Amino acid sequence: MQITHNYVSVLFVSCLQPIVDLFDLMEQKGPKGPNEVQASRTENGYAASIAVLAALVIESVCNRVRYVLGDPDRKGAVQTLRDLQAGGLADDVEELLVLRDVIALNHMW
C-alpha cells in the first residue's frame, strides 16, 4: 500500500529572512574596501552569501511554480521564467545563476 502525502515543502520561504538579515549586517558594517575597486573580505563574504541564497530562492520558487502548473519537466529557472513570458527577468536571473556558479564552484575571477 502506497501512502500519498499532500504536503510539499518549499525552501524559499525559509531563506527570505536570512537574506534580509545578511543585507542588514552588511550595511551595518559599511563599505570598507581595501581600495577603490575592491570590496573588503567581510563585505565580499556577505555579498557572495546573499547572491548564492538569492539564486537558491529563485530556483526554489520556479520549481514550485512548475509543480503547481503540473509541469513535469525539470527545466531550470531561466527557462521557466521565459515560458512565463518574463524574458527580462530571465536574463537577470541567468546572470545571477552564473554568479552563483562562479562563487559556489570557486572559479577564478
Protein backbone atom coordinates (compact mmCIF):
# COMPACT_ATOMS: atom_id res chain seq x y z
CA MET A 1 0.00 0.00 0.00
CA GLN A 2 1.45 3.33 -1.08
CA ILE A 3 0.96 6.28 1.24
CA THR A 4 0.21 9.54 -0.51
CA HIS A 5 1.29 12.80 1.04
CA ASN A 6 -0.36 16.11 0.36
CA TYR A 7 2.43 18.26 1.78
CA VAL A 8 5.08 19.74 -0.48
CA SER A 9 7.95 21.51 1.24
CA VAL A 10 9.25 24.72 -0.27
CA LEU A 11 12.64 26.05 0.71
CA PHE A 12 12.48 29.63 -0.49
CA VAL A 13 10.25 30.91 2.32
CA SER A 14 12.84 29.88 4.91
CA CYS A 15 15.62 31.79 3.15
CA LEU A 16 13.97 35.19 2.78
CA GLN A 17 14.63 36.46 6.32
CA PRO A 18 18.27 35.29 6.34
CA ILE A 19 18.85 37.25 3.10
CA VAL A 20 17.39 40.39 4.69
CA ASP A 21 19.48 39.81 7.81
CA LEU A 22 22.66 39.48 5.74
CA PHE A 23 21.86 42.75 3.94
CA ASP A 24 21.32 44.47 7.28
CA LEU A 25 24.58 43.14 8.71
CA MET A 26 26.50 44.16 5.60
CA GLU A 27 25.02 47.66 5.75
CA GLN A 28 25.85 48.00 9.46
CA LYS A 29 29.49 47.25 8.80
CA GLY A 30 29.63 49.81 5.99
CA PRO A 31 31.80 49.53 2.90
CA LYS A 32 35.47 49.40 3.85
CA GLY A 33 37.23 48.09 0.79
CA PRO A 34 40.99 47.71 0.71
CA ASN A 35 40.93 50.09 -2.27
CA GLU A 36 38.51 51.96 -4.55
CA VAL A 37 37.63 48.95 -6.71
CA GLN A 38 37.86 46.01 -4.34
CA ALA A 39 35.47 45.09 -1.52
CA SER A 40 36.69 44.07 1.91
CA ARG A 41 36.67 40.39 2.83
CA THR A 42 33.71 40.96 5.13
CA GLU A 43 31.66 42.84 2.55
CA ASN A 44 32.62 40.32 -0.14
CA GLY A 45 31.55 37.44 2.11
CA TYR A 46 28.15 38.95 2.81
CA ALA A 47 27.58 39.83 -0.86
CA ALA A 48 28.58 36.35 -2.01
CA SER A 49 26.29 34.74 0.57
CA ILE A 50 23.38 36.94 -0.47
CA ALA A 51 23.91 36.11 -4.15
CA VAL A 52 24.01 32.35 -3.50
CA LEU A 53 20.93 32.41 -1.28
CA ALA A 54 19.04 34.64 -3.75
CA ALA A 55 19.78 32.18 -6.56
CA LEU A 56 18.58 29.32 -4.38
CA VAL A 57 15.35 31.20 -3.59
CA ILE A 58 14.64 31.91 -7.26
CA GLU A 59 15.24 28.30 -8.25
CA SER A 60 13.00 27.12 -5.42
CA VAL A 61 10.21 29.48 -6.48
CA CYS A 62 10.47 28.32 -10.10
CA ASN A 63 10.36 24.67 -9.02
CA ARG A 64 7.22 25.41 -7.01
CA VAL A 65 5.61 27.20 -9.97
CA ARG A 66 6.30 24.20 -12.22
CA TYR A 67 4.81 21.89 -9.58
CA VAL A 68 1.66 24.00 -9.23
CA LEU A 69 1.27 24.19 -13.01
CA GLY A 70 1.71 20.42 -13.26
CA ASP A 71 4.79 20.75 -15.46
CA PRO A 72 6.81 17.54 -15.02
CA ASP A 73 9.86 18.85 -16.93
CA ARG A 74 12.98 19.64 -14.92
CA LYS A 75 13.58 22.96 -16.64
CA GLY A 76 15.80 25.46 -14.97
CA ALA A 77 14.69 28.76 -13.51
CA VAL A 78 15.66 30.72 -16.62
CA GLN A 79 13.59 28.57 -18.97
CA THR A 80 10.68 28.57 -16.55
CA LEU A 81 10.69 32.38 -16.50
CA ARG A 82 10.89 32.51 -20.29
CA ASP A 83 7.92 30.12 -20.51
CA LEU A 84 6.04 32.52 -18.21
CA GLN A 85 6.76 35.43 -20.59
CA ALA A 86 9.21 37.03 -18.12
CA GLY A 87 12.14 37.27 -20.54
CA GLY A 88 13.69 40.40 -18.99
CA LEU A 89 13.67 38.83 -15.55
CA ALA A 90 15.01 35.60 -17.05
CA ASP A 91 18.05 37.46 -18.38
CA ASP A 92 18.78 38.94 -14.94
CA VAL A 93 18.28 35.56 -13.26
CA GLU A 94 20.61 33.92 -15.77
CA GLU A 95 23.30 36.42 -14.78
CA LEU A 96 22.68 35.72 -11.08
CA LEU A 97 22.94 31.96 -11.67
CA VAL A 98 26.27 32.42 -13.45
CA LEU A 99 27.49 34.47 -10.49
CA ARG A 100 26.25 31.74 -8.13
CA ASP A 101 28.19 29.12 -10.10
CA VAL A 102 31.33 31.26 -10.04
CA ILE A 103 31.04 31.62 -6.26
CA ALA A 104 29.97 28.05 -5.47
CA LEU A 105 32.45 26.38 -7.81
CA ASN A 106 35.25 28.75 -6.79
CA HIS A 107 36.12 29.83 -10.32
CA MET A 108 38.92 32.32 -10.54
CA TRP A 109 37.71 35.81 -11.45
